[in-house]
Amino acid sequence: MKKAVFTFAAMMIALAMSAQENLFRKGDKALNVGLGLGTTLYSGAGFKGTIPPVSVSLEYGFKDEVLEKGSIGLGGYLGIAGSKYEFMGFGWEYTYIIVGARGVFHYPLVNKMDTYTGMMLGYNIIRAKEIGTPLLGVSPSASGVAWSWFAGARYYFTDNIGALLELGYGISYLNLGLAVKL
């Protein structure tokens, strides 16, 4: 009985997946603008967000017919966020800017949705400005290589405009926003 249920479920999933159409193809261009919830860059007692995590990415469809219905996109990424750390009259204001290149694999898992996953490699520019009473003139800036894995979906309301949901480890854990096909 368990085998029959498993076989039936596998057949239904395969049938459902076969009906899906890839919404991102070679030659397509997509602009994503997102507002992040929950940042990966600062946390702990004393930190307050000053600039909410905002990201912009542009992607170009590079290759079709990967694993039958999938496609590969390449593009750029820019994210910015800010925070402030204050303790007993002194502290720092931080600005985080991530600039990177993304590789994205699109595969149609849900009808009328562009579902994807990918990786980003870039550079995290961290600027720190001392506030309040000076503390030894120390700057805790720490720029360096940044990488992220992400998974997301774009649901298009029209042929060119849609909503974006992306989970990952970039400027924030969760991005909600707007996607526009150019």
C-alpha atoms as a PDB file:
ATOM      1  CA  MET A   1       0.000   0.000   0.000  1.00  0.00           C
ATOM      2  CA  LYS A   2       2.818   2.420   0.868  1.00  0.00           C
ATOM      3  CA  LYS A   3       4.486   1.722  -2.482  1.00  0.00           C
ATOM      4  CA  ALA A   4       1.235   2.421  -4.328  1.00  0.00           C
ATOM      5  CA  VAL A   5       0.740   5.760  -2.522  1.00  0.00           C
ATOM      6  CA  PHE A   6       4.374   6.746  -3.135  1.00  0.00           C
ATOM      7  CA  THR A   7       4.165   5.780  -6.823  1.00  0.00           C
ATOM      8  CA  PHE A   8       0.913   7.713  -7.240  1.00  0.00           C
ATOM      9  CA  ALA A   9       2.399  10.795  -5.548  1.00  0.00           C
ATOM     10  CA  ALA A  10       5.548  10.601  -7.699  1.00  0.00           C
ATOM     11  CA  MET A  11       3.442  10.328 -10.858  1.00  0.00           C
ATOM     12  CA  MET A  12       1.314  13.342  -9.868  1.00  0.00           C
ATOM     13  CA  ILE A  13       4.397  15.445  -9.138  1.00  0.00           C
ATOM     14  CA  ALA A  14       5.999  14.424 -12.440  1.00  0.00           C
ATOM     15  CA  LEU A  15       2.777  15.212 -14.304  1.00  0.00           C
ATOM     16  CA  ALA A  16       2.441  18.592 -12.571  1.00  0.00           C
ATOM     17  CA  MET A  17       6.073  19.448 -13.300  1.00  0.00           C
ATOM     18  CA  SER A  18       5.727  18.490 -16.938  1.00  0.00           C
ATOM     19  CA  ALA A  19       2.956  21.062 -17.383  1.00  0.00           C
ATOM     20  CA  GLN A  20       5.100  23.947 -16.102  1.00  0.00           C
ATOM     21  CA  GLU A  21       6.582  26.504 -18.484  1.00  0.00           C
ATOM     22  CA  ASN A  22       9.858  28.313 -17.821  1.00  0.00           C
ATOM     23  CA  LEU A  23       9.122  32.038 -17.474  1.00  0.00           C
ATOM     24  CA  PHE A  24      12.764  33.153 -17.782  1.00  0.00           C
ATOM     25  CA  ARG A  25      14.515  32.332 -21.048  1.00  0.00           C
ATOM     26  CA  LYS A  26      17.639  33.144 -23.013  1.00  0.00           C
ATOM     27  CA  GLY A  27      17.586  36.827 -23.968  1.00  0.00           C
ATOM     28  CA  ASP A  28      15.196  37.877 -21.164  1.00  0.00           C
ATOM     29  CA  LYS A  29      16.253  40.720 -18.876  1.00  0.00           C
ATOM     30  CA  ALA A  30      14.834  41.167 -15.375  1.00  0.00           C
ATOM     31  CA  LEU A  31      15.284  44.025 -12.926  1.00  0.00           C
ATOM     32  CA  ASN A  32      14.575  43.194  -9.270  1.00  0.00           C
ATOM     33  CA  VAL A  33      14.159  45.773  -6.506  1.00  0.00           C
ATOM     34  CA  GLY A  34      13.756  44.403  -2.991  1.00  0.00           C
ATOM     35  CA  LEU A  35      13.313  45.526   0.582  1.00  0.00           C
ATOM     36  CA  GLY A  36      14.956  43.204   3.087  1.00  0.00           C
ATOM     37  CA  LEU A  37      13.576  41.843   6.325  1.00  0.00           C
ATOM     38  CA  GLY A  38      16.172  40.587   8.791  1.00  0.00           C
ATOM     39  CA  THR A  39      19.709  41.554   7.860  1.00  0.00           C
ATOM     40  CA  THR A  40      22.729  39.297   7.899  1.00  0.00           C
ATOM     41  CA  LEU A  41      25.177  42.125   8.554  1.00  0.00           C
ATOM     42  CA  TYR A  42      24.618  43.365  12.083  1.00  0.00           C
ATOM     43  CA  SER A  43      23.034  41.901  15.154  1.00  0.00           C
ATOM     44  CA  GLY A  44      23.324  41.844  18.881  1.00  0.00           C
ATOM     45  CA  ALA A  45      22.670  44.157  21.786  1.00  0.00           C
ATOM     46  CA  GLY A  46      23.142  47.841  21.081  1.00  0.00           C
ATOM     47  CA  PHE A  47      22.683  47.718  17.285  1.00  0.00           C
ATOM     48  CA  LYS A  48      19.851  49.639  15.623  1.00  0.00           C
ATOM     49  CA  GLY A  49      19.063  49.713  11.932  1.00  0.00           C
ATOM     50  CA  THR A  50      19.408  53.137  10.296  1.00  0.00           C
ATOM     51  CA  ILE A  51      19.044  52.236   6.609  1.00  0.00           C
ATOM     52  CA  PRO A  52      16.746  49.290   5.850  1.00  0.00           C
ATOM     53  CA  PRO A  53      18.301  46.581   3.667  1.00  0.00           C
ATOM     54  CA  VAL A  54      17.554  47.458   0.034  1.00  0.00           C
ATOM     55  CA  SER A  55      18.775  45.538  -3.003  1.00  0.00           C
ATOM     56  CA  VAL A  56      18.733  45.884  -6.773  1.00  0.00           C
ATOM     57  CA  SER A  57      19.734  43.175  -9.214  1.00  0.00           C
ATOM     58  CA  LEU A  58      19.722  42.951 -12.974  1.00  0.00           C
ATOM     59  CA  GLU A  59      19.750  39.578 -14.719  1.00  0.00           C
ATOM     60  CA  TYR A  60      20.178  38.460 -18.310  1.00  0.00           C
ATOM     61  CA  GLY A  61      18.992  35.073 -19.616  1.00  0.00           C
ATOM     62  CA  PHE A  62      22.155  33.368 -20.857  1.00  0.00           C
ATOM     63  CA  LYS A  63      21.265  29.723 -21.654  1.00  0.00           C
ATOM     64  CA  ASP A  64      18.080  27.693 -22.201  1.00  0.00           C
ATOM     65  CA  GLU A  65      17.202  24.002 -22.070  1.00  0.00           C
ATOM     66  CA  VAL A  66      19.292  23.166 -19.016  1.00  0.00           C
ATOM     67  CA  LEU A  67      17.846  19.952 -17.544  1.00  0.00           C
ATOM     68  CA  GLU A  68      15.124  20.136 -20.224  1.00  0.00           C
ATOM     69  CA  LYS A  69      13.117  23.165 -19.030  1.00  0.00           C
ATOM     70  CA  GLY A  70      15.649  25.138 -16.968  1.00  0.00           C
ATOM     71  CA  SER A  71      17.636  28.234 -17.854  1.00  0.00           C
ATOM     72  CA  ILE A  72      20.691  30.073 -16.587  1.00  0.00           C
ATOM     73  CA  GLY A  73      20.872  33.799 -15.951  1.00  0.00           C
ATOM     74  CA  LEU A  74      23.852  36.022 -15.154  1.00  0.00           C
ATOM     75  CA  GLY A  75      23.792  39.484 -13.672  1.00  0.00           C
ATOM     76  CA  GLY A  76      24.830  42.075 -11.160  1.00  0.00           C
ATOM     77  CA  TYR A  77      23.753  42.862  -7.598  1.00  0.00           C
ATOM     78  CA  LEU A  78      23.863  45.958  -5.387  1.00  0.00           C
ATOM     79  CA  GLY A  79      22.665  45.992  -1.792  1.00  0.00           C
ATOM     80  CA  ILE A  80      22.844  48.647   0.930  1.00  0.00           C
ATOM     81  CA  ALA A  81      21.996  48.718   4.639  1.00  0.00           C
ATOM     82  CA  GLY A  82      22.970  50.764   7.658  1.00  0.00           C
ATOM     83  CA  SER A  83      23.188  50.419  11.414  1.00  0.00           C
ATOM     84  CA  LYS A  84      24.267  52.246  14.515  1.00  0.00           C
ATOM     85  CA  TYR A  85      25.945  50.917  17.646  1.00  0.00           C
ATOM     86  CA  GLU A  86      25.909  53.118  20.717  1.00  0.00           C
ATOM     87  CA  PHE A  87      27.071  52.480  24.272  1.00  0.00           C
ATOM     88  CA  MET A  88      27.443  55.059  27.071  1.00  0.00           C
ATOM     89  CA  GLY A  89      27.739  58.077  24.769  1.00  0.00           C
ATOM     90  CA  PHE A  90      30.003  56.670  22.095  1.00  0.00           C
ATOM     91  CA  GLY A  91      29.704  54.276  19.213  1.00  0.00           C
ATOM     92  CA  TRP A  92      29.750  53.884  15.450  1.00  0.00           C
ATOM     93  CA  GLU A  93      27.471  54.336  12.457  1.00  0.00           C
ATOM     94  CA  TYR A  94      27.949  51.627   9.838  1.00  0.00           C
ATOM     95  CA  THR A  95      27.089  51.586   6.149  1.00  0.00           C
ATOM     96  CA  TYR A  96      27.182  48.250   4.329  1.00  0.00           C
ATOM     97  CA  ILE A  97      27.331  48.105   0.538  1.00  0.00           C
ATOM     98  CA  ILE A  98      27.502  44.771  -1.278  1.00  0.00           C
ATOM     99  CA  VAL A  99      28.410  44.748  -4.973  1.00  0.00           C
ATOM    100  CA  GLY A 100      28.481  41.401  -6.725  1.00  0.00           C
ATOM    101  CA  ALA A 101      27.887  39.129  -9.691  1.00  0.00           C
ATOM    102  CA  ARG A 102      25.158  36.481  -9.604  1.00  0.00           C
ATOM    103  CA  GLY A 103      24.637  33.218 -11.398  1.00  0.00           C
ATOM    104  CA  VAL A 104      21.022  32.003 -11.336  1.00  0.00           C
ATOM    105  CA  PHE A 105      19.422  28.672 -12.271  1.00  0.00           C
ATOM    106  CA  HIS A 106      15.714  28.944 -13.177  1.00  0.00           C
ATOM    107  CA  TYR A 107      13.493  25.878 -13.196  1.00  0.00           C
ATOM    108  CA  PRO A 108       9.676  25.916 -13.399  1.00  0.00           C
ATOM    109  CA  LEU A 109       8.418  24.230 -10.222  1.00  0.00           C
ATOM    110  CA  VAL A 110       5.105  26.071  -9.865  1.00  0.00           C
ATOM    111  CA  ASN A 111       2.778  27.128 -12.673  1.00  0.00           C
ATOM    112  CA  LYS A 112       2.928  30.868 -13.528  1.00  0.00           C
ATOM    113  CA  MET A 113       5.938  31.402 -11.239  1.00  0.00           C
ATOM    114  CA  ASP A 114       9.570  31.940 -12.104  1.00  0.00           C
ATOM    115  CA  THR A 115      11.324  29.820  -9.450  1.00  0.00           C
ATOM    116  CA  TYR A 116      15.109  29.962  -9.140  1.00  0.00           C
ATOM    117  CA  THR A 117      18.206  29.459  -7.031  1.00  0.00           C
ATOM    118  CA  GLY A 118      21.736  30.779  -7.343  1.00  0.00           C
ATOM    119  CA  MET A 119      24.974  32.089  -5.924  1.00  0.00           C
ATOM    120  CA  MET A 120      26.484  35.558  -5.660  1.00  0.00           C
ATOM    121  CA  LEU A 121      30.145  36.472  -5.332  1.00  0.00           C
ATOM    122  CA  GLY A 122      31.029  40.048  -4.545  1.00  0.00           C
ATOM    123  CA  TYR A 123      32.605  42.551  -2.232  1.00  0.00           C
ATOM    124  CA  ASN A 124      31.162  43.899   1.021  1.00  0.00           C
ATOM    125  CA  ILE A 125      32.210  47.506   1.636  1.00  0.00           C
ATOM    126  CA  ILE A 126      31.774  48.406   5.297  1.00  0.00           C
ATOM    127  CA  ARG A 127      32.256  52.015   6.325  1.00  0.00           C
ATOM    128  CA  ALA A 128      32.282  53.009   9.980  1.00  0.00           C
ATOM    129  CA  LYS A 129      32.023  56.509  11.388  1.00  0.00           C
ATOM    130  CA  GLU A 130      32.711  57.193  15.064  1.00  0.00           C
ATOM    131  CA  ILE A 131      29.950  59.031  16.946  1.00  0.00           C
ATOM    132  CA  GLY A 132      29.825  60.589  20.379  1.00  0.00           C
ATOM    133  CA  THR A 133      32.902  60.687  22.607  1.00  0.00           C
ATOM    134  CA  PRO A 134      35.956  59.480  20.644  1.00  0.00           C
ATOM    135  CA  LEU A 135      37.183  56.033  21.658  1.00  0.00           C
ATOM    136  CA  LEU A 136      40.887  55.778  20.883  1.00  0.00           C
ATOM    137  CA  GLY A 137      40.286  56.798  17.237  1.00  0.00           C
ATOM    138  CA  VAL A 138      39.698  53.151  16.280  1.00  0.00           C
ATOM    139  CA  SER A 139      37.728  52.413  13.081  1.00  0.00           C
ATOM    140  CA  PRO A 140      36.032  49.014  13.028  1.00  0.00           C
ATOM    141  CA  SER A 141      35.701  48.970   9.218  1.00  0.00           C
ATOM    142  CA  ALA A 142      36.036  45.463   7.804  1.00  0.00           C
ATOM    143  CA  SER A 143      35.454  45.283   4.065  1.00  0.00           C
ATOM    144  CA  GLY A 144      35.995  41.989   2.297  1.00  0.00           C
ATOM    145  CA  VAL A 145      34.748  39.259  -0.014  1.00  0.00           C
ATOM    146  CA  ALA A 146      31.026  38.519   0.204  1.00  0.00           C
ATOM    147  CA  TRP A 147      29.154  35.493  -1.094  1.00  0.00           C
ATOM    148  CA  SER A 148      25.619  34.309  -0.840  1.00  0.00           C
ATOM    149  CA  TRP A 149      23.307  31.503  -1.782  1.00  0.00           C
ATOM    150  CA  PHE A 150      19.681  32.390  -2.503  1.00  0.00           C
ATOM    151  CA  ALA A 151      16.403  30.896  -3.679  1.00  0.00           C
ATOM    152  CA  GLY A 152      13.417  32.833  -4.880  1.00  0.00           C
ATOM    153  CA  ALA A 153      10.299  33.195  -6.940  1.00  0.00           C
ATOM    154  CA  ARG A 154       8.807  35.876  -9.136  1.00  0.00           C
ATOM    155  CA  TYR A 155       5.073  35.917  -9.767  1.00  0.00           C
ATOM    156  CA  TYR A 156       4.163  38.057 -12.773  1.00  0.00           C
ATOM    157  CA  PHE A 157       0.833  39.900 -12.619  1.00  0.00           C
ATOM    158  CA  THR A 158       1.304  41.025 -16.221  1.00  0.00           C
ATOM    159  CA  ASP A 159       3.760  39.933 -18.904  1.00  0.00           C
ATOM    160  CA  ASN A 160       6.374  42.332 -17.503  1.00  0.00           C
ATOM    161  CA  ILE A 161       5.578  43.241 -13.871  1.00  0.00           C
ATOM    162  CA  GLY A 162       5.590  40.919 -10.901  1.00  0.00           C
ATOM    163  CA  ALA A 163       6.222  40.388  -7.209  1.00  0.00           C
ATOM    164  CA  LEU A 164       9.528  39.067  -5.877  1.00  0.00           C
ATOM    165  CA  LEU A 165      10.267  36.875  -2.870  1.00  0.00           C
ATOM    166  CA  GLU A 166      13.856  35.824  -2.239  1.00  0.00           C
ATOM    167  CA  LEU A 167      15.422  33.940   0.680  1.00  0.00           C
ATOM    168  CA  GLY A 168      19.151  33.774   1.204  1.00  0.00           C
ATOM    169  CA  TYR A 169      22.251  35.217   2.732  1.00  0.00           C
ATOM    170  CA  GLY A 170      23.033  38.576   1.130  1.00  0.00           C
ATOM    171  CA  ILE A 171      22.037  41.999   2.377  1.00  0.00           C
ATOM    172  CA  SER A 172      19.113  40.323   4.193  1.00  0.00           C
ATOM    173  CA  TYR A 173      17.565  36.932   4.890  1.00  0.00           C
ATOM    174  CA  LEU A 174      14.288  37.743   3.129  1.00  0.00           C
ATOM    175  CA  ASN A 175      13.709  40.181   0.253  1.00  0.00           C
ATOM    176  CA  LEU A 176      10.247  41.252  -0.862  1.00  0.00           C
ATOM    177  CA  GLY A 177       9.860  43.477  -3.848  1.00  0.00           C
ATOM    178  CA  LEU A 178       9.106  44.164  -7.461  1.00  0.00           C
ATOM    179  CA  ALA A 179      10.374  42.385 -10.593  1.00  0.00           C
ATOM    180  CA  VAL A 180      10.253  43.999 -14.016  1.00  0.00           C
ATOM    181  CA  LYS A 181      11.040  42.230 -17.307  1.00  0.00           C
ATOM    182  CA  LEU A 182      12.802  44.666 -19.608  1.00  0.00           C
END
